[in-house]
């Protein structure tokens, strides 16, 4: 919800200096609508492939089968609303990753070196 509102607020941030008129604002965004735009679900939709903690260099996965999900437990949840488009992609599990010699599913705060 917060992300959608922030994106909607920035739509009128485009400014152009029009000859004879001065600065004018224009729409610089597009509203996206899909089945997960609706909020308030008690369980994640089976189409959700979110990952709040992507592993380092995870952008390289885009070219090798797609981004990895944090977990795939939601794929058996009931389909409350039909998916938009061609349906849900396969759920590829990210799993734990290594960072600075430690294996973890998400980054942990550590004291800074002195």
Protein backbone atom coordinates (compact mmCIF):
# COMPACT_ATOMS: atom_id res chain seq x y z
CA UNK A 1 0.00 0.00 0.00
CA UNK A 2 2.75 2.46 0.95
CA UNK A 3 4.67 1.77 -2.26
CA UNK A 4 1.58 2.30 -4.40
CA UNK A 5 0.81 5.62 -2.71
CA UNK A 6 4.41 6.80 -3.08
CA UNK A 7 4.37 5.90 -6.77
CA UNK A 8 1.05 7.67 -7.29
CA UNK A 9 2.34 10.79 -5.53
CA UNK A 10 5.33 11.12 -7.86
CA UNK A 11 3.26 10.99 -11.07
CA UNK A 12 2.91 14.80 -11.26
CA UNK A 13 6.60 15.45 -10.49
CA UNK A 14 7.51 15.83 -14.16
CA UNK A 15 8.20 19.48 -15.02
CA UNK A 16 8.84 20.96 -18.46
CA UNK A 17 9.72 24.55 -19.36
CA UNK A 18 7.16 25.32 -22.06
CA UNK A 19 8.00 28.32 -24.30
CA UNK A 20 5.65 31.18 -23.54
CA UNK A 21 4.02 29.34 -20.61
CA UNK A 22 6.86 28.67 -18.19
CA UNK A 23 7.10 25.50 -16.12
CA UNK A 24 4.23 23.03 -16.53
CA UNK A 25 3.69 19.71 -14.78
CA UNK A 26 3.02 16.53 -16.70
CA UNK A 27 2.23 12.93 -15.79
CA UNK A 28 5.39 10.84 -15.67
CA UNK A 29 4.16 7.44 -14.60
CA UNK A 30 1.80 4.61 -15.20
CA UNK A 31 -0.49 2.86 -12.77
CA UNK A 32 -0.03 -0.90 -12.71
CA UNK A 33 -2.93 -3.15 -11.87
CA UNK A 34 -2.74 -6.88 -11.24
CA UNK A 35 -4.28 -9.36 -8.83
CA UNK A 36 -1.77 -8.55 -6.06
CA UNK A 37 -2.54 -4.81 -6.15
CA UNK A 38 -5.58 -5.48 -3.94
CA UNK A 39 -4.49 -5.53 -0.28
CA UNK A 40 -5.82 -7.01 2.92
CA UNK A 41 -5.29 -10.71 2.23
CA UNK A 42 -4.97 -12.98 5.27
CA UNK A 43 -2.53 -15.24 3.37
CA UNK A 44 -0.14 -14.55 0.53
CA UNK A 45 -1.70 -15.23 -2.85
CA UNK A 46 -0.39 -18.34 -4.64
CA UNK A 47 0.98 -16.09 -7.41
CA UNK A 48 3.21 -14.06 -5.05
CA UNK A 49 6.96 -14.47 -5.63
CA UNK A 50 8.26 -11.72 -3.35
CA UNK A 51 11.73 -11.64 -1.84
CA UNK A 52 12.48 -8.90 0.69
CA UNK A 53 16.06 -10.19 1.14
CA UNK A 54 17.57 -10.86 -2.28
CA UNK A 55 21.00 -12.49 -2.23
CA UNK A 56 24.04 -10.52 -3.41
CA UNK A 57 24.27 -10.45 -7.24
CA UNK A 58 20.69 -11.73 -7.53
CA UNK A 59 20.11 -9.51 -10.58
CA UNK A 60 22.12 -12.08 -12.55
CA UNK A 61 19.28 -14.60 -11.99
CA UNK A 62 17.04 -12.64 -14.36
CA UNK A 63 18.88 -14.12 -17.34
CA UNK A 64 18.94 -17.62 -15.81
CA UNK A 65 15.32 -18.58 -15.15
CA UNK A 66 14.12 -15.52 -13.26
CA UNK A 67 14.40 -14.02 -9.80
CA UNK A 68 14.22 -16.32 -6.79
CA UNK A 69 11.45 -16.15 -4.16
CA UNK A 70 12.16 -15.96 -0.43
CA UNK A 71 9.92 -18.99 0.12
CA UNK A 72 7.38 -21.00 -1.87
CA UNK A 73 5.01 -22.07 0.94
CA UNK A 74 2.25 -19.87 -0.47
CA UNK A 75 1.92 -21.72 -3.81
CA UNK A 76 -0.68 -24.10 -2.32
CA UNK A 77 -2.82 -21.27 -0.89
CA UNK A 78 -6.31 -20.85 -2.36
CA UNK A 79 -6.60 -18.60 -5.39
CA UNK A 80 -8.80 -15.83 -3.98
CA UNK A 81 -8.65 -13.75 -7.15
CA UNK A 82 -7.61 -14.96 -10.62
CA UNK A 83 -4.07 -14.07 -11.70
CA UNK A 84 -3.56 -11.32 -14.24
CA UNK A 85 -1.86 -12.09 -17.53
CA UNK A 86 -0.53 -15.55 -18.22
CA UNK A 87 -0.56 -16.71 -14.60
CA UNK A 88 2.12 -17.24 -12.01
CA UNK A 89 5.69 -18.11 -12.91
CA UNK A 90 7.35 -21.16 -11.40
CA UNK A 91 8.41 -20.61 -7.81
CA UNK A 92 12.20 -20.75 -7.72
CA UNK A 93 13.45 -20.85 -4.13
CA UNK A 94 16.43 -18.65 -3.30
CA UNK A 95 17.62 -20.51 -0.21
CA UNK A 96 20.43 -19.32 2.06
CA UNK A 97 23.38 -17.34 0.74
CA UNK A 98 26.89 -16.44 1.88
CA UNK A 99 27.98 -12.94 2.86
CA UNK A 100 31.26 -12.08 4.58
CA UNK A 101 31.83 -15.70 5.51
CA UNK A 102 28.38 -16.30 7.04
CA UNK A 103 25.49 -18.32 5.62
CA UNK A 104 22.03 -16.78 6.14
CA UNK A 105 18.54 -16.35 4.69
CA UNK A 106 18.55 -12.62 5.44
CA UNK A 107 21.20 -10.05 6.44
CA UNK A 108 21.85 -9.56 10.14
CA UNK A 109 23.08 -6.36 11.70
CA UNK A 110 26.63 -6.60 12.98
CA UNK A 111 28.79 -4.10 14.83
CA UNK A 112 30.97 -2.00 12.55
CA UNK A 113 34.68 -2.63 12.57
CA UNK A 114 36.62 -0.09 14.61
